[in-house]
Amino acid sequence: MSPLANQDPLSQLNDIIAPTAPNWFPPAPIYWFLLLIGCAVIFAIFHLIKKQHQQRKQQKRHLSKLIQLQKQEANFVELNQLLKGCVLSYFSRAEVASLHGEQWFDFLQKYSVTPIFDDKEIFVQRLYQIDIQNVDEEDYNAARKWIINLPKQIKKVKKDV
């Protein structure tokens, strides 16, 4: 017999090589997609929170100006200017700046929960009476409610359209 015949044939085999564990990078395309969607959602939430914060800040600023006008016993024209300034922070200048008189009254009513400044003719007359102190507590309260409810009414009107 030959010397090779005496040897065990299994002893000539090499050891089994175990496969390496799969690498975590690069992840599957679905994970990239989920990461992209997650980033977009976080960005959108951040943007909405920032926008709400700015609107609340503007609203507080307008309300503090209203309180200042009330303390100074301002006239109706100054109160109207405050309302127009408030509207300009929500709408473009092209939409709002040209409104005056009856058109401005209709705009105020459109974005009001309850009618503000009851009569249109009296409202228009009061706009042009600068020297008369014709603003009472009811006007300030109506303006305060209008400023507070304006963002909600804008959403409501846009939703209805």
Protein backbone atom coordinates (compact mmCIF):
# COMPACT_ATOMS: atom_id res chain seq x y z
CA MET A 1 0.00 0.00 0.00
CA SER A 2 1.05 3.41 -0.68
CA PRO A 3 1.68 5.86 2.11
CA LEU A 4 -1.00 8.17 0.80
CA ALA A 5 -3.63 5.50 0.95
CA ASN A 6 -3.22 5.17 4.73
CA GLN A 7 -4.09 8.79 5.36
CA ASP A 8 -7.62 9.91 6.17
CA PRO A 9 -9.05 11.78 3.18
CA LEU A 10 -11.05 14.11 5.46
CA SER A 11 -7.88 15.41 7.07
CA GLN A 12 -6.87 16.94 3.79
CA LEU A 13 -9.92 19.29 3.74
CA ASN A 14 -9.55 22.93 4.79
CA ASP A 15 -11.60 24.41 7.64
CA ILE A 16 -15.01 25.91 6.82
CA ILE A 17 -14.85 29.68 6.41
CA ALA A 18 -17.78 31.37 8.13
CA PRO A 19 -19.43 34.20 6.18
CA THR A 20 -18.80 37.72 7.46
CA ALA A 21 -21.63 39.58 9.08
CA PRO A 22 -23.39 41.96 6.68
CA ASN A 23 -22.26 45.58 6.91
CA TRP A 24 -24.81 48.18 8.10
CA PHE A 25 -23.66 50.70 5.53
CA PRO A 26 -24.99 51.47 2.97
CA PRO A 27 -28.53 50.90 4.17
CA ALA A 28 -31.26 49.68 1.88
CA PRO A 29 -33.00 52.28 -0.32
CA ILE A 30 -36.16 52.11 1.78
CA TYR A 31 -34.23 53.45 4.78
CA TRP A 32 -32.91 56.37 2.73
CA PHE A 33 -36.47 57.11 1.68
CA LEU A 34 -37.74 56.93 5.28
CA LEU A 35 -34.92 59.22 6.42
CA LEU A 36 -35.82 61.73 3.71
CA ILE A 37 -39.52 61.64 4.64
CA GLY A 38 -38.65 62.02 8.34
CA CYS A 39 -36.47 65.07 7.64
CA ALA A 40 -39.23 66.62 5.51
CA VAL A 41 -41.81 66.10 8.29
CA ILE A 42 -39.49 67.59 10.92
CA PHE A 43 -38.78 70.58 8.66
CA ALA A 44 -42.51 71.13 8.02
CA ILE A 45 -43.35 70.97 11.73
CA PHE A 46 -40.52 73.38 12.54
CA HIS A 47 -41.73 75.77 9.83
CA LEU A 48 -45.33 75.68 11.10
CA ILE A 49 -44.27 76.26 14.71
CA LYS A 50 -42.07 79.18 13.65
CA LYS A 51 -44.89 80.70 11.60
CA GLN A 52 -47.36 80.38 14.50
CA HIS A 53 -44.86 81.93 16.87
CA GLN A 54 -44.37 84.90 14.54
CA GLN A 55 -48.13 85.37 14.17
CA ARG A 56 -48.62 85.31 17.95
CA LYS A 57 -45.81 87.81 18.35
CA GLN A 58 -47.39 90.13 15.77
CA GLN A 59 -50.78 89.74 17.40
CA LYS A 60 -49.36 90.64 20.83
CA ARG A 61 -47.64 93.66 19.31
CA HIS A 62 -50.90 94.86 17.75
CA LEU A 63 -52.80 94.31 20.98
CA SER A 64 -50.21 96.28 22.95
CA LYS A 65 -50.50 99.13 20.41
CA LEU A 66 -54.27 99.01 20.89
CA ILE A 67 -53.80 99.37 24.65
CA GLN A 68 -51.48 102.33 24.06
CA LEU A 69 -54.07 103.98 21.82
CA GLN A 70 -56.70 103.42 24.46
CA LYS A 71 -54.51 105.03 27.14
CA GLN A 72 -53.76 107.99 24.86
CA GLU A 73 -57.46 108.36 24.06
CA ALA A 74 -56.69 108.24 20.35
CA ASN A 75 -59.18 109.17 17.67
CA PHE A 76 -60.94 106.81 15.28
CA VAL A 77 -58.48 107.42 12.45
CA GLU A 78 -55.59 106.15 14.59
CA LEU A 79 -57.61 103.09 15.59
CA ASN A 80 -58.36 102.45 11.93
CA GLN A 81 -54.65 102.81 11.07
CA LEU A 82 -53.85 100.18 13.68
CA LEU A 83 -56.39 97.79 12.14
CA LYS A 84 -54.97 98.37 8.68
CA GLY A 85 -51.44 97.78 9.97
CA CYS A 86 -52.64 94.54 11.51
CA VAL A 87 -54.16 93.44 8.22
CA LEU A 88 -50.97 94.31 6.34
CA SER A 89 -49.09 91.80 8.46
CA TYR A 90 -51.33 89.01 7.11
CA PHE A 91 -52.07 90.15 3.55
CA SER A 92 -50.00 91.63 0.76
CA ARG A 93 -49.87 95.38 0.39
CA ALA A 94 -51.41 95.16 -3.10
CA GLU A 95 -54.52 93.45 -1.68
CA VAL A 96 -55.16 95.76 1.25
CA ALA A 97 -53.46 99.14 0.93
CA SER A 98 -55.90 100.49 -1.64
CA LEU A 99 -58.99 99.65 0.45
CA HIS A 100 -60.74 102.66 1.93
CA GLY A 101 -64.21 103.79 2.93
CA GLU A 102 -66.93 101.29 2.20
CA GLN A 103 -64.55 98.72 0.69
CA TRP A 104 -62.48 98.80 3.89
CA PHE A 105 -65.64 98.45 6.00
CA ASP A 106 -66.71 95.43 3.92
CA PHE A 107 -63.25 93.90 4.31
CA LEU A 108 -63.41 94.33 8.10
CA GLN A 109 -66.85 92.68 8.16
CA LYS A 110 -65.67 89.81 5.96
CA TYR A 111 -62.96 88.87 8.46
CA SER A 112 -65.00 89.48 11.59
CA VAL A 113 -66.78 86.91 13.74
CA THR A 114 -69.39 89.46 14.81
CA PRO A 115 -70.15 92.73 13.02
CA ILE A 116 -67.59 95.36 13.87
CA PHE A 117 -68.46 99.11 13.76
CA ASP A 118 -72.18 98.58 13.19
CA ASP A 119 -73.20 101.11 10.52
CA LYS A 120 -71.27 101.56 7.28
CA GLU A 121 -72.20 105.22 6.79
CA ILE A 122 -71.24 106.18 10.33
CA PHE A 123 -67.98 104.26 9.96
CA VAL A 124 -67.06 106.18 6.79
CA GLN A 125 -67.94 109.51 8.44
CA ARG A 126 -65.84 108.69 11.49
CA LEU A 127 -62.82 107.97 9.28
CA TYR A 128 -62.64 111.60 8.20
CA GLN A 129 -63.34 113.32 11.53
CA ILE A 130 -59.78 113.63 12.83
CA ASP A 131 -60.31 116.32 15.43
CA ILE A 132 -63.23 114.67 17.22
CA GLN A 133 -62.50 112.14 19.97
CA ASN A 134 -65.18 109.69 18.93
CA VAL A 135 -63.78 106.36 20.08
CA ASP A 136 -65.49 104.67 22.99
CA GLU A 137 -64.80 101.52 25.00
CA GLU A 138 -67.04 99.48 22.70
CA ASP A 139 -64.86 100.36 19.70
CA TYR A 140 -61.71 99.25 21.52
CA ASN A 141 -63.32 96.00 22.61
CA ALA A 142 -64.55 95.32 19.06
CA ALA A 143 -61.06 96.03 17.68
CA ARG A 144 -59.48 93.75 20.31
CA LYS A 145 -61.84 90.88 19.40
CA TRP A 146 -61.23 91.49 15.72
CA ILE A 147 -57.43 91.40 16.10
CA ILE A 148 -57.59 88.22 18.19
CA ASN A 149 -59.93 86.41 15.79
CA LEU A 150 -58.32 87.59 12.53
CA PRO A 151 -56.02 84.55 11.98
CA LYS A 152 -58.93 82.15 12.54
CA GLN A 153 -61.19 84.12 10.22
CA ILE A 154 -58.54 84.20 7.50
CA LYS A 155 -58.32 80.40 7.63
CA LYS A 156 -62.11 80.12 7.63
CA VAL A 157 -62.56 82.44 4.63
CA LYS A 158 -59.78 80.69 2.67
CA LYS A 159 -61.36 77.34 3.48
CA ASP A 160 -64.77 78.52 2.27
CA VAL A 161 -63.28 79.78 -0.99
